[in-house]
N, C-alpha and C. Protein backbone atom coordinates (compact mmCIF):
# COMPACT_ATOMS: atom_id res chain seq x y z
N ASN A 1 -17.92 -23.62 23.16
CA ASN A 1 -18.37 -24.46 24.27
C ASN A 1 -17.51 -25.72 24.34
N LEU A 2 -16.78 -25.90 25.42
CA LEU A 2 -15.87 -27.04 25.55
C LEU A 2 -16.40 -28.13 26.47
N ILE A 3 -17.60 -27.97 26.99
CA ILE A 3 -18.13 -28.95 27.94
C ILE A 3 -18.22 -30.32 27.29
N ASN A 4 -17.52 -31.29 27.92
CA ASN A 4 -17.47 -32.69 27.49
C ASN A 4 -16.84 -32.89 26.11
N LYS A 5 -16.13 -31.90 25.61
CA LYS A 5 -15.39 -32.07 24.36
C LYS A 5 -14.06 -32.74 24.66
N ASN A 6 -13.63 -33.62 23.76
CA ASN A 6 -12.35 -34.29 23.90
C ASN A 6 -11.25 -33.39 23.35
N VAL A 7 -10.33 -32.98 24.23
CA VAL A 7 -9.28 -32.04 23.86
C VAL A 7 -7.92 -32.66 24.17
N LEU A 8 -7.00 -32.54 23.21
CA LEU A 8 -5.62 -32.97 23.41
C LEU A 8 -4.74 -31.74 23.54
N ASP A 9 -4.00 -31.63 24.64
CA ASP A 9 -3.07 -30.54 24.86
C ASP A 9 -1.66 -31.09 24.63
N VAL A 10 -1.06 -30.72 23.48
CA VAL A 10 0.25 -31.24 23.09
C VAL A 10 1.33 -30.31 23.62
N CYS A 11 2.40 -30.89 24.18
CA CYS A 11 3.46 -30.10 24.84
C CYS A 11 2.84 -29.27 25.95
N CYS A 12 2.17 -29.94 26.88
CA CYS A 12 1.27 -29.29 27.83
C CYS A 12 1.96 -28.58 28.99
N ALA A 13 3.12 -29.08 29.44
CA ALA A 13 3.75 -28.52 30.65
C ALA A 13 4.19 -27.08 30.41
N PRO A 14 4.08 -26.23 31.42
CA PRO A 14 3.81 -26.51 32.84
C PRO A 14 2.33 -26.64 33.21
N GLY A 15 1.40 -26.46 32.25
CA GLY A 15 0.01 -26.81 32.54
C GLY A 15 -1.00 -25.68 32.59
N GLY A 16 -0.57 -24.45 32.42
CA GLY A 16 -1.52 -23.33 32.51
C GLY A 16 -2.70 -23.45 31.57
N LYS A 17 -2.43 -23.82 30.33
CA LYS A 17 -3.51 -23.93 29.34
C LYS A 17 -4.37 -25.16 29.63
N THR A 18 -3.74 -26.23 30.13
CA THR A 18 -4.50 -27.43 30.49
C THR A 18 -5.55 -27.09 31.54
N PHE A 19 -5.15 -26.32 32.55
CA PHE A 19 -6.08 -25.97 33.63
C PHE A 19 -7.20 -25.07 33.11
N GLN A 20 -6.91 -24.20 32.17
CA GLN A 20 -7.96 -23.36 31.59
C GLN A 20 -8.97 -24.21 30.83
N LEU A 21 -8.48 -25.20 30.09
CA LEU A 21 -9.37 -26.11 29.36
C LEU A 21 -10.26 -26.89 30.33
N LEU A 22 -9.65 -27.41 31.40
CA LEU A 22 -10.40 -28.19 32.39
C LEU A 22 -11.45 -27.33 33.08
N SER A 23 -11.11 -26.09 33.36
CA SER A 23 -12.06 -25.21 34.05
C SER A 23 -13.27 -24.88 33.18
N ARG A 24 -13.13 -25.08 31.87
CA ARG A 24 -14.24 -24.82 30.94
C ARG A 24 -15.00 -26.10 30.59
N GLY A 25 -14.70 -27.19 31.31
CA GLY A 25 -15.50 -28.41 31.17
C GLY A 25 -15.01 -29.41 30.14
N ALA A 26 -13.82 -29.19 29.57
CA ALA A 26 -13.31 -30.11 28.57
C ALA A 26 -12.79 -31.39 29.21
N LYS A 27 -12.85 -32.49 28.44
CA LYS A 27 -12.22 -33.75 28.83
C LYS A 27 -10.83 -33.76 28.20
N VAL A 28 -9.81 -33.56 29.02
CA VAL A 28 -8.48 -33.26 28.51
C VAL A 28 -7.52 -34.44 28.64
N THR A 29 -6.81 -34.70 27.54
CA THR A 29 -5.62 -35.53 27.56
C THR A 29 -4.46 -34.58 27.35
N ALA A 30 -3.50 -34.60 28.28
CA ALA A 30 -2.36 -33.67 28.23
C ALA A 30 -1.08 -34.48 28.14
N ILE A 31 -0.24 -34.14 27.15
CA ILE A 31 0.97 -34.92 26.93
C ILE A 31 2.21 -34.03 26.91
N ASP A 32 3.26 -34.52 27.58
CA ASP A 32 4.56 -33.84 27.58
C ASP A 32 5.61 -34.90 27.91
N LYS A 33 6.80 -34.74 27.39
CA LYS A 33 7.83 -35.77 27.60
C LYS A 33 8.73 -35.51 28.81
N SER A 34 8.52 -34.38 29.49
CA SER A 34 9.38 -34.04 30.63
C SER A 34 8.82 -34.60 31.93
N PRO A 35 9.47 -35.62 32.52
CA PRO A 35 8.97 -36.21 33.78
C PRO A 35 8.88 -35.19 34.91
N SER A 36 9.86 -34.29 35.01
CA SER A 36 9.85 -33.33 36.12
C SER A 36 8.68 -32.36 35.98
N ARG A 37 8.41 -31.90 34.76
CA ARG A 37 7.31 -30.96 34.55
C ARG A 37 5.96 -31.65 34.72
N ILE A 38 5.88 -32.90 34.28
CA ILE A 38 4.65 -33.67 34.46
C ILE A 38 4.39 -33.90 35.95
N SER A 39 5.45 -34.13 36.72
CA SER A 39 5.31 -34.33 38.16
C SER A 39 4.71 -33.10 38.84
N VAL A 40 5.17 -31.92 38.44
CA VAL A 40 4.61 -30.68 38.98
C VAL A 40 3.14 -30.55 38.60
N MET A 41 2.82 -30.90 37.35
CA MET A 41 1.42 -30.85 36.90
C MET A 41 0.54 -31.77 37.72
N LYS A 42 1.04 -32.97 38.02
CA LYS A 42 0.27 -33.93 38.82
C LYS A 42 -0.08 -33.35 40.18
N GLU A 43 0.91 -32.69 40.79
CA GLU A 43 0.67 -32.08 42.10
C GLU A 43 -0.41 -31.00 42.00
N ASN A 44 -0.34 -30.17 40.97
CA ASN A 44 -1.32 -29.10 40.79
C ASN A 44 -2.70 -29.64 40.47
N ILE A 45 -2.75 -30.70 39.66
CA ILE A 45 -4.03 -31.31 39.31
C ILE A 45 -4.71 -31.86 40.56
N SER A 46 -3.90 -32.55 41.39
CA SER A 46 -4.43 -33.11 42.64
C SER A 46 -4.92 -32.00 43.57
N ARG A 47 -4.13 -30.94 43.67
CA ARG A 47 -4.49 -29.83 44.57
C ARG A 47 -5.76 -29.14 44.12
N LEU A 48 -5.94 -28.99 42.80
CA LEU A 48 -7.10 -28.28 42.27
C LEU A 48 -8.33 -29.17 42.08
N GLY A 49 -8.13 -30.48 42.23
CA GLY A 49 -9.26 -31.39 42.15
C GLY A 49 -9.76 -31.67 40.74
N PHE A 50 -8.89 -31.50 39.74
CA PHE A 50 -9.27 -31.78 38.36
C PHE A 50 -9.02 -33.24 38.01
N LYS A 51 -9.72 -33.70 36.97
CA LYS A 51 -9.48 -35.04 36.45
C LYS A 51 -8.97 -34.88 35.02
N VAL A 52 -7.79 -35.43 34.76
CA VAL A 52 -7.17 -35.28 33.44
C VAL A 52 -6.37 -36.53 33.13
N ASP A 53 -6.34 -36.90 31.87
CA ASP A 53 -5.51 -38.01 31.41
C ASP A 53 -4.14 -37.43 31.09
N LEU A 54 -3.20 -37.60 32.01
CA LEU A 54 -1.87 -37.00 31.89
C LEU A 54 -0.90 -38.05 31.36
N VAL A 55 -0.25 -37.75 30.24
CA VAL A 55 0.63 -38.71 29.57
C VAL A 55 2.05 -38.16 29.52
N CYS A 56 2.99 -38.90 30.09
CA CYS A 56 4.40 -38.53 30.03
C CYS A 56 5.07 -39.41 28.98
N GLU A 57 5.22 -38.86 27.79
CA GLU A 57 5.70 -39.66 26.66
C GLU A 57 6.16 -38.73 25.54
N ASP A 58 7.09 -39.23 24.75
CA ASP A 58 7.47 -38.52 23.52
C ASP A 58 6.24 -38.48 22.62
N VAL A 59 5.85 -37.28 22.22
CA VAL A 59 4.60 -37.14 21.46
C VAL A 59 4.62 -37.95 20.17
N PHE A 60 5.80 -38.19 19.60
CA PHE A 60 5.87 -38.93 18.34
C PHE A 60 5.72 -40.44 18.55
N LYS A 61 5.70 -40.87 19.81
CA LYS A 61 5.43 -42.28 20.12
C LYS A 61 4.00 -42.46 20.64
N PHE A 62 3.29 -41.37 20.78
CA PHE A 62 1.94 -41.37 21.34
C PHE A 62 0.95 -41.98 20.34
N ILE A 63 0.16 -42.94 20.83
CA ILE A 63 -0.89 -43.54 20.00
C ILE A 63 -2.23 -43.25 20.67
N PRO A 64 -2.99 -42.29 20.16
CA PRO A 64 -4.25 -41.92 20.81
C PRO A 64 -5.30 -43.01 20.68
N LYS A 65 -6.15 -43.10 21.71
CA LYS A 65 -7.23 -44.09 21.69
C LYS A 65 -8.45 -43.57 20.93
N ILE A 66 -8.53 -42.25 20.79
CA ILE A 66 -9.68 -41.62 20.14
C ILE A 66 -9.18 -40.50 19.23
N LYS A 67 -10.11 -39.95 18.44
CA LYS A 67 -9.84 -38.71 17.71
C LYS A 67 -10.37 -37.56 18.58
N TYR A 68 -9.74 -36.41 18.47
CA TYR A 68 -10.06 -35.29 19.36
C TYR A 68 -10.86 -34.20 18.65
N ASP A 69 -11.79 -33.61 19.41
CA ASP A 69 -12.58 -32.49 18.87
C ASP A 69 -11.71 -31.25 18.70
N TYR A 70 -10.78 -31.06 19.64
CA TYR A 70 -9.86 -29.92 19.60
C TYR A 70 -8.47 -30.42 19.96
N ILE A 71 -7.48 -29.84 19.31
CA ILE A 71 -6.09 -30.08 19.70
C ILE A 71 -5.44 -28.72 19.91
N LEU A 72 -4.86 -28.53 21.09
CA LEU A 72 -4.09 -27.33 21.39
C LEU A 72 -2.63 -27.68 21.22
N LEU A 73 -1.99 -27.09 20.22
CA LEU A 73 -0.59 -27.36 19.93
C LEU A 73 0.23 -26.11 20.20
N ASP A 74 1.03 -26.17 21.26
CA ASP A 74 1.91 -25.07 21.66
C ASP A 74 3.34 -25.61 21.59
N PRO A 75 3.90 -25.72 20.38
CA PRO A 75 5.18 -26.42 20.22
C PRO A 75 6.37 -25.59 20.68
N PRO A 76 7.51 -26.25 20.90
CA PRO A 76 8.74 -25.51 21.18
C PRO A 76 9.03 -24.52 20.06
N CYS A 77 9.51 -23.34 20.42
CA CYS A 77 9.81 -22.31 19.43
C CYS A 77 10.97 -21.47 19.93
N THR A 78 11.36 -20.46 19.18
CA THR A 78 12.48 -19.61 19.58
C THR A 78 12.14 -18.74 20.79
N SER A 79 10.86 -18.60 21.10
CA SER A 79 10.40 -17.78 22.24
C SER A 79 10.81 -16.32 22.12
N THR A 80 10.99 -15.85 20.90
CA THR A 80 11.42 -14.47 20.70
C THR A 80 10.38 -13.46 21.18
N GLY A 81 9.14 -13.89 21.34
CA GLY A 81 8.11 -12.99 21.86
C GLY A 81 8.24 -12.73 23.35
N THR A 82 9.13 -13.48 24.01
CA THR A 82 9.28 -13.33 25.47
C THR A 82 10.62 -12.70 25.85
N LEU A 83 11.34 -12.15 24.87
CA LEU A 83 12.68 -11.62 25.14
C LEU A 83 12.68 -10.50 26.18
N SER A 84 11.60 -9.75 26.25
CA SER A 84 11.57 -8.63 27.20
C SER A 84 11.67 -9.11 28.64
N LYS A 85 11.13 -10.29 28.93
CA LYS A 85 11.22 -10.81 30.30
C LYS A 85 12.25 -11.93 30.43
N ASN A 86 12.74 -12.43 29.27
CA ASN A 86 13.75 -13.49 29.28
C ASN A 86 14.93 -13.12 28.38
N PRO A 87 15.64 -12.05 28.69
CA PRO A 87 16.73 -11.61 27.81
C PRO A 87 17.84 -12.64 27.66
N ASP A 88 17.94 -13.58 28.60
CA ASP A 88 18.97 -14.62 28.51
C ASP A 88 18.78 -15.52 27.29
N LEU A 89 17.58 -15.49 26.71
CA LEU A 89 17.31 -16.32 25.53
C LEU A 89 18.29 -16.05 24.40
N MET A 90 18.74 -14.81 24.28
CA MET A 90 19.66 -14.47 23.20
C MET A 90 20.98 -15.23 23.33
N PHE A 91 21.34 -15.60 24.57
CA PHE A 91 22.58 -16.36 24.76
C PHE A 91 22.39 -17.82 24.36
N LEU A 92 21.13 -18.25 24.21
CA LEU A 92 20.83 -19.61 23.74
C LEU A 92 20.77 -19.67 22.22
N GLU A 93 21.03 -18.55 21.57
CA GLU A 93 21.10 -18.45 20.12
C GLU A 93 19.87 -19.04 19.43
N PRO A 94 18.70 -18.43 19.64
CA PRO A 94 17.47 -18.97 19.07
C PRO A 94 17.49 -19.08 17.54
N PHE A 95 18.21 -18.19 16.87
CA PHE A 95 18.21 -18.24 15.41
C PHE A 95 19.02 -19.41 14.87
N LYS A 96 20.03 -19.85 15.65
CA LYS A 96 20.77 -21.04 15.23
C LYS A 96 19.93 -22.30 15.38
N ARG A 97 18.97 -22.25 16.30
CA ARG A 97 18.10 -23.41 16.54
C ARG A 97 16.86 -23.39 15.64
N LEU A 98 16.70 -22.33 14.87
CA LEU A 98 15.45 -22.14 14.12
C LEU A 98 15.14 -23.28 13.16
N LYS A 99 16.14 -23.73 12.41
CA LYS A 99 15.89 -24.78 11.42
C LYS A 99 15.32 -26.04 12.07
N ASN A 100 15.93 -26.45 13.19
CA ASN A 100 15.45 -27.65 13.88
C ASN A 100 14.07 -27.44 14.49
N LEU A 101 13.83 -26.24 15.02
CA LEU A 101 12.53 -25.93 15.61
C LEU A 101 11.43 -25.94 14.54
N LEU A 102 11.73 -25.40 13.37
CA LEU A 102 10.73 -25.39 12.28
C LEU A 102 10.34 -26.81 11.88
N LYS A 103 11.32 -27.70 11.82
CA LYS A 103 11.03 -29.09 11.46
C LYS A 103 10.20 -29.77 12.55
N LEU A 104 10.53 -29.50 13.80
CA LEU A 104 9.77 -30.06 14.91
C LEU A 104 8.33 -29.58 14.89
N GLN A 105 8.13 -28.28 14.68
CA GLN A 105 6.78 -27.72 14.59
C GLN A 105 5.99 -28.36 13.44
N GLU A 106 6.66 -28.50 12.31
CA GLU A 106 6.01 -29.11 11.15
C GLU A 106 5.58 -30.53 11.46
N ASN A 107 6.46 -31.31 12.09
CA ASN A 107 6.13 -32.70 12.42
C ASN A 107 4.99 -32.78 13.44
N LEU A 108 4.96 -31.86 14.40
CA LEU A 108 3.88 -31.85 15.39
C LEU A 108 2.55 -31.48 14.73
N LEU A 109 2.57 -30.57 13.78
CA LEU A 109 1.35 -30.24 13.05
C LEU A 109 0.84 -31.44 12.25
N GLN A 110 1.76 -32.16 11.62
CA GLN A 110 1.36 -33.33 10.83
C GLN A 110 0.77 -34.42 11.73
N SER A 111 1.35 -34.61 12.91
CA SER A 111 0.80 -35.59 13.86
C SER A 111 -0.58 -35.16 14.32
N SER A 112 -0.74 -33.88 14.62
CA SER A 112 -2.04 -33.36 15.07
C SER A 112 -3.11 -33.57 14.00
N ALA A 113 -2.73 -33.43 12.75
CA ALA A 113 -3.68 -33.62 11.64
C ALA A 113 -4.22 -35.05 11.60
N LYS A 114 -3.42 -36.00 12.07
CA LYS A 114 -3.86 -37.41 12.10
C LYS A 114 -4.78 -37.69 13.27
N TRP A 115 -4.67 -36.88 14.33
CA TRP A 115 -5.39 -37.16 15.57
C TRP A 115 -6.70 -36.37 15.71
N ILE A 116 -6.94 -35.42 14.83
CA ILE A 116 -8.13 -34.56 14.96
C ILE A 116 -9.34 -35.26 14.34
N SER A 117 -10.50 -35.06 14.93
CA SER A 117 -11.72 -35.66 14.39
C SER A 117 -12.20 -34.89 13.17
N LYS A 118 -13.11 -35.48 12.42
CA LYS A 118 -13.70 -34.79 11.26
C LYS A 118 -14.41 -33.53 11.75
N GLY A 119 -14.11 -32.41 11.12
CA GLY A 119 -14.69 -31.14 11.54
C GLY A 119 -14.04 -30.54 12.77
N GLY A 120 -12.97 -31.19 13.27
CA GLY A 120 -12.30 -30.72 14.48
C GLY A 120 -11.40 -29.52 14.23
N LEU A 121 -10.88 -28.95 15.31
CA LEU A 121 -10.11 -27.72 15.23
C LEU A 121 -8.76 -27.87 15.93
N ILE A 122 -7.69 -27.53 15.20
CA ILE A 122 -6.35 -27.47 15.78
C ILE A 122 -6.03 -26.00 16.07
N ILE A 123 -5.64 -25.72 17.30
CA ILE A 123 -5.24 -24.36 17.67
C ILE A 123 -3.72 -24.38 17.82
N TYR A 124 -3.05 -23.68 16.91
CA TYR A 124 -1.59 -23.64 16.88
C TYR A 124 -1.13 -22.32 17.48
N SER A 125 -0.21 -22.40 18.45
CA SER A 125 0.20 -21.20 19.17
C SER A 125 1.70 -21.22 19.43
N VAL A 126 2.38 -20.13 19.08
CA VAL A 126 3.81 -20.00 19.40
C VAL A 126 4.07 -18.60 19.97
N CYS A 127 4.97 -18.55 20.96
CA CYS A 127 5.34 -17.24 21.53
C CYS A 127 6.57 -16.72 20.78
N SER A 128 6.40 -16.61 19.47
CA SER A 128 7.49 -16.19 18.59
C SER A 128 7.06 -14.98 17.78
N LEU A 129 8.02 -14.12 17.49
CA LEU A 129 7.77 -12.96 16.64
C LEU A 129 8.11 -13.26 15.18
N LEU A 130 8.61 -14.44 14.91
CA LEU A 130 9.10 -14.78 13.57
C LEU A 130 7.99 -15.37 12.70
N ARG A 131 7.83 -14.81 11.51
CA ARG A 131 6.85 -15.33 10.56
C ARG A 131 7.13 -16.80 10.22
N GLU A 132 8.41 -17.18 10.20
CA GLU A 132 8.75 -18.56 9.85
C GLU A 132 8.06 -19.56 10.78
N GLU A 133 7.92 -19.19 12.04
CA GLU A 133 7.31 -20.10 13.01
C GLU A 133 5.80 -19.91 13.11
N GLY A 134 5.29 -18.84 12.53
CA GLY A 134 3.86 -18.54 12.60
C GLY A 134 3.19 -18.64 11.25
N GLU A 135 3.01 -17.50 10.60
CA GLU A 135 2.26 -17.45 9.34
C GLU A 135 2.82 -18.38 8.28
N ASP A 136 4.15 -18.41 8.12
CA ASP A 136 4.76 -19.25 7.08
C ASP A 136 4.60 -20.74 7.39
N GLN A 137 4.70 -21.09 8.66
CA GLN A 137 4.53 -22.49 9.06
C GLN A 137 3.12 -22.99 8.72
N ILE A 138 2.13 -22.17 9.02
CA ILE A 138 0.74 -22.55 8.73
C ILE A 138 0.48 -22.61 7.23
N SER A 139 1.05 -21.67 6.49
CA SER A 139 0.90 -21.67 5.04
C SER A 139 1.46 -22.95 4.43
N ARG A 140 2.63 -23.38 4.90
CA ARG A 140 3.22 -24.63 4.40
C ARG A 140 2.33 -25.83 4.74
N PHE A 141 1.82 -25.85 5.95
CA PHE A 141 0.96 -26.96 6.37
C PHE A 141 -0.28 -27.06 5.48
N LEU A 142 -0.90 -25.94 5.20
CA LEU A 142 -2.14 -25.95 4.41
C LEU A 142 -1.90 -26.33 2.95
N LYS A 143 -0.72 -26.03 2.42
CA LYS A 143 -0.40 -26.43 1.05
C LYS A 143 -0.28 -27.94 0.93
N ILE A 144 0.21 -28.57 2.01
CA ILE A 144 0.39 -30.02 2.02
C ILE A 144 -0.90 -30.74 2.39
N ASN A 145 -1.68 -30.13 3.29
CA ASN A 145 -2.87 -30.78 3.85
C ASN A 145 -4.14 -30.07 3.35
N ARG A 146 -4.62 -30.52 2.22
CA ARG A 146 -5.76 -29.88 1.56
C ARG A 146 -7.08 -30.10 2.27
N LYS A 147 -7.10 -31.02 3.24
CA LYS A 147 -8.34 -31.29 3.98
C LYS A 147 -8.52 -30.36 5.17
N PHE A 148 -7.65 -29.36 5.25
CA PHE A 148 -7.73 -28.39 6.34
C PHE A 148 -7.79 -26.97 5.79
N GLN A 149 -8.37 -26.09 6.57
CA GLN A 149 -8.42 -24.68 6.21
C GLN A 149 -8.23 -23.82 7.45
N GLN A 150 -7.63 -22.67 7.27
CA GLN A 150 -7.50 -21.73 8.38
C GLN A 150 -8.79 -20.95 8.49
N VAL A 151 -9.28 -20.79 9.72
CA VAL A 151 -10.55 -20.09 9.93
C VAL A 151 -10.33 -18.91 10.87
N HIS A 152 -11.25 -17.95 10.78
CA HIS A 152 -11.20 -16.78 11.65
C HIS A 152 -11.76 -17.15 13.02
N PRO A 153 -11.02 -16.87 14.07
CA PRO A 153 -11.51 -17.19 15.42
C PRO A 153 -12.48 -16.14 15.92
N GLU A 154 -13.26 -16.52 16.93
CA GLU A 154 -14.08 -15.53 17.62
C GLU A 154 -13.18 -14.87 18.66
N VAL A 155 -12.94 -13.58 18.50
CA VAL A 155 -11.97 -12.90 19.36
C VAL A 155 -12.61 -11.78 20.18
N ASN A 156 -13.91 -11.85 20.38
CA ASN A 156 -14.59 -10.79 21.12
C ASN A 156 -14.00 -10.60 22.51
N GLY A 157 -13.60 -11.67 23.14
CA GLY A 157 -13.09 -11.57 24.51
C GLY A 157 -11.63 -11.16 24.61
N PHE A 158 -10.96 -11.02 23.45
CA PHE A 158 -9.53 -10.71 23.46
C PHE A 158 -9.23 -9.22 23.42
N ASN A 159 -10.24 -8.40 23.10
CA ASN A 159 -10.04 -6.95 22.96
C ASN A 159 -8.95 -6.62 21.94
N LEU A 160 -8.94 -7.38 20.84
CA LEU A 160 -7.95 -7.16 19.80
C LEU A 160 -8.48 -6.20 18.74
N ASN A 161 -7.58 -5.42 18.16
CA ASN A 161 -7.94 -4.59 17.03
C ASN A 161 -7.82 -5.42 15.76
N GLN A 162 -8.48 -5.00 14.70
CA GLN A 162 -8.43 -5.73 13.45
C GLN A 162 -6.99 -5.84 12.93
N ILE A 163 -6.16 -4.89 13.30
CA ILE A 163 -4.77 -4.90 12.84
C ILE A 163 -4.02 -6.12 13.36
N ASN A 164 -4.50 -6.73 14.44
CA ASN A 164 -3.86 -7.92 15.01
C ASN A 164 -4.31 -9.22 14.35
N ILE A 165 -5.28 -9.13 13.44
CA ILE A 165 -5.82 -10.33 12.79
C ILE A 165 -5.60 -10.22 11.29
N ASP A 166 -4.88 -11.17 10.71
CA ASP A 166 -4.58 -11.07 9.28
C ASP A 166 -5.76 -11.58 8.45
N GLU A 167 -5.62 -11.49 7.14
CA GLU A 167 -6.73 -11.82 6.24
C GLU A 167 -7.14 -13.28 6.33
N ASN A 168 -6.23 -14.15 6.82
CA ASN A 168 -6.55 -15.57 6.96
C ASN A 168 -7.12 -15.92 8.33
N GLY A 169 -7.10 -14.95 9.23
CA GLY A 169 -7.61 -15.20 10.57
C GLY A 169 -6.54 -15.41 11.62
N GLY A 170 -5.27 -15.37 11.21
CA GLY A 170 -4.17 -15.53 12.16
C GLY A 170 -4.09 -14.34 13.10
N ILE A 171 -3.83 -14.62 14.36
CA ILE A 171 -3.71 -13.56 15.37
C ILE A 171 -2.22 -13.32 15.63
N ARG A 172 -1.78 -12.09 15.42
CA ARG A 172 -0.38 -11.73 15.66
C ARG A 172 -0.34 -10.59 16.68
N VAL A 173 0.25 -10.87 17.82
CA VAL A 173 0.37 -9.86 18.87
C VAL A 173 1.85 -9.64 19.16
N SER A 174 2.25 -8.39 19.20
CA SER A 174 3.63 -8.04 19.55
C SER A 174 3.65 -7.52 20.98
N PRO A 175 4.83 -7.46 21.60
CA PRO A 175 4.89 -7.06 23.01
C PRO A 175 4.30 -5.68 23.31
N HIS A 176 4.22 -4.80 22.31
CA HIS A 176 3.69 -3.47 22.57
C HIS A 176 2.20 -3.34 22.26
N THR A 177 1.53 -4.44 21.88
CA THR A 177 0.12 -4.38 21.47
C THR A 177 -0.76 -3.79 22.56
N PHE A 178 -0.55 -4.20 23.80
CA PHE A 178 -1.40 -3.75 24.90
C PHE A 178 -0.64 -2.88 25.89
N LEU A 179 0.18 -1.97 25.36
CA LEU A 179 0.98 -1.13 26.25
C LEU A 179 0.13 -0.36 27.25
N ASP A 180 -1.08 0.03 26.83
CA ASP A 180 -1.95 0.79 27.73
C ASP A 180 -2.45 -0.07 28.88
N LYS A 181 -2.41 -1.42 28.72
CA LYS A 181 -2.89 -2.32 29.77
C LYS A 181 -1.74 -3.06 30.45
N GLY A 182 -0.53 -2.80 29.99
CA GLY A 182 0.63 -3.51 30.52
C GLY A 182 1.29 -4.34 29.45
N TRP A 183 2.50 -4.73 29.69
CA TRP A 183 3.31 -5.47 28.72
C TRP A 183 2.81 -6.91 28.58
N VAL A 184 2.83 -7.44 27.35
CA VAL A 184 2.46 -8.84 27.11
C VAL A 184 3.54 -9.50 26.26
N ASP A 185 3.52 -10.81 26.23
CA ASP A 185 4.42 -11.55 25.35
C ASP A 185 3.95 -11.40 23.91
N GLY A 186 4.89 -11.51 22.98
CA GLY A 186 4.52 -11.58 21.57
C GLY A 186 4.16 -13.01 21.21
N PHE A 187 3.14 -13.18 20.37
CA PHE A 187 2.75 -14.54 19.99
C PHE A 187 1.98 -14.55 18.68
N TYR A 188 1.79 -15.76 18.16
CA TYR A 188 0.98 -15.97 16.95
C TYR A 188 0.07 -17.16 17.22
N ILE A 189 -1.19 -17.04 16.82
CA ILE A 189 -2.17 -18.13 16.98
C ILE A 189 -2.90 -18.33 15.66
N ALA A 190 -3.05 -19.58 15.26
CA ALA A 190 -3.84 -19.93 14.07
C ALA A 190 -4.86 -20.99 14.43
N TYR A 191 -6.07 -20.86 13.87
CA TYR A 191 -7.12 -21.85 14.03
C TYR A 191 -7.23 -22.62 12.72
N ILE A 192 -6.99 -23.93 12.79
CA ILE A 192 -6.97 -24.77 11.59
C ILE A 192 -8.06 -25.82 11.71
N LYS A 193 -9.00 -25.78 10.80
CA LYS A 193 -10.18 -26.65 10.90
C LYS A 193 -10.17 -27.75 9.84
N SER A 194 -10.57 -28.94 10.26
CA SER A 194 -10.75 -30.04 9.31
C SER A 194 -11.98 -29.75 8.44
N LYS A 195 -11.80 -29.90 7.13
CA LYS A 195 -12.91 -29.65 6.19
C LYS A 195 -13.85 -30.85 6.13
N GLU A 196 -13.41 -31.99 6.65
CA GLU A 196 -14.22 -33.20 6.54
C GLU A 196 -15.47 -33.10 7.39
N GLU A 197 -16.57 -33.60 6.88
CA GLU A 197 -17.85 -33.56 7.58
C GLU A 197 -17.89 -34.64 8.64
N LYS A 198 -18.52 -34.31 9.77
CA LYS A 198 -18.64 -35.28 10.86
C LYS A 198 -19.56 -36.43 10.45
């Protein structure tokens, strides 16, 4: 239930997930550093009649006024899960960029850990097929941040098989997972909960 929950959408543009959060009644702060993408979001927000705190700023300079009940973190990644529809990505040499992307993801997770409320939930999502950006990234975070734990999400509405959910609760979907329903992007999602009591 997201009604009146304070949610921070990190790296929010182009805004699809922000609009889903708003449609479920969340009070959303959405941040992205791209002025052009934020401008498009503003137009869509106005057209759809939503109210959102839209911040155009480098996330590492962002100083939140409150702690958030939920943080949706969809950081930059190699996007290897989208190669089927974006084959040009291979010309951008995603594996050469991997080291820098891993550090960026790590830093964004650490920032999110400072902004989450006691008992709050960070939802980490990457459209990557690489364990380094998914399972391994979360494992490293949890070794450093003992006040957090990975939890199993409620996935009844996702129509996922148990094979898509690992023993820690991480969701791993490859492009062929839903071949019977049509092609999807590959991605990884982890739910990370603060152990601190409210």
